[in-house]
Amino acid sequence: MSELEYLKEALDHVDYALDILRKVARKSRTMADSLEDIIYHLEEAGDLLDSMISRESSK
């Protein structure tokens, strides 16, 4: 597996984790407050991974 494929796989996992955490946040208001920072940071990580993938794909 190439580095680019690993990055894409990592992004898929981040996106999946975000989906799960958003579902939990919708079901539980008390947990939503606690999950807010985690979701934010995972979104940022996803954006950074996406940028890396774009850079690597254009080489």
Protein backbone atom coordinates (compact mmCIF):
# COMPACT_ATOMS: atom_id res chain seq x y z
CA MET A 1 0.00 0.00 0.00
CA SER A 2 1.38 3.41 -0.92
CA GLU A 3 1.64 6.38 1.43
CA LEU A 4 -1.15 8.10 -0.49
CA GLU A 5 -3.41 5.10 0.01
CA TYR A 6 -2.64 5.11 3.74
CA LEU A 7 -3.51 8.81 3.93
CA LYS A 8 -6.81 8.18 2.14
CA GLU A 9 -7.59 5.31 4.49
CA ALA A 10 -6.82 7.51 7.50
CA LEU A 11 -9.16 10.19 6.13
CA ASP A 12 -11.89 7.58 5.70
CA HIS A 13 -11.48 6.58 9.35
CA VAL A 14 -11.61 10.20 10.52
CA ASP A 15 -14.79 10.77 8.49
CA TYR A 16 -16.32 7.60 9.92
CA ALA A 17 -15.43 8.64 13.48
CA LEU A 18 -17.01 12.05 12.86
CA ASP A 19 -20.21 10.43 11.63
CA ILE A 20 -20.42 8.27 14.74
CA LEU A 21 -19.68 11.11 17.15
CA ARG A 22 -22.26 13.37 15.48
CA LYS A 23 -24.88 10.62 15.89
CA VAL A 24 -24.02 10.34 19.57
CA ALA A 25 -24.17 14.13 19.96
CA ARG A 26 -27.63 14.23 18.35
CA LYS A 27 -28.92 11.57 20.74
CA SER A 28 -27.42 13.01 23.93
CA ARG A 29 -27.36 16.74 24.64
CA THR A 30 -25.10 16.27 27.66
CA MET A 31 -22.58 14.31 25.61
CA ALA A 32 -22.85 16.82 22.75
CA ASP A 33 -21.23 19.48 24.88
CA SER A 34 -18.34 17.17 25.74
CA LEU A 35 -17.95 15.96 22.15
CA GLU A 36 -17.90 19.45 20.62
CA ASP A 37 -14.12 19.91 20.99
CA ILE A 38 -13.36 16.38 19.82
CA ILE A 39 -15.51 16.83 16.73
CA TYR A 40 -13.87 20.17 15.99
CA HIS A 41 -10.36 18.72 16.20
CA LEU A 42 -11.26 15.70 14.10
CA GLU A 43 -12.68 18.04 11.46
CA GLU A 44 -9.41 19.97 11.49
CA ALA A 45 -7.43 16.73 11.20
CA GLY A 46 -9.61 15.69 8.28
CA ASP A 47 -8.99 19.01 6.53
CA LEU A 48 -5.23 18.63 7.01
CA LEU A 49 -5.28 15.07 5.70
CA ASP A 50 -7.33 16.18 2.71
CA SER A 51 -4.75 18.90 1.96
CA MET A 52 -1.92 16.38 2.21
CA ILE A 53 -3.74 14.00 -0.11
CA SER A 54 -4.30 16.77 -2.64
CA ARG A 55 -0.63 17.76 -2.54
CA GLU A 56 0.56 14.17 -2.89
CA SER A 57 -1.91 13.46 -5.70
CA SER A 58 -0.65 16.40 -7.73
CA LYS A 59 3.00 15.27 -7.67
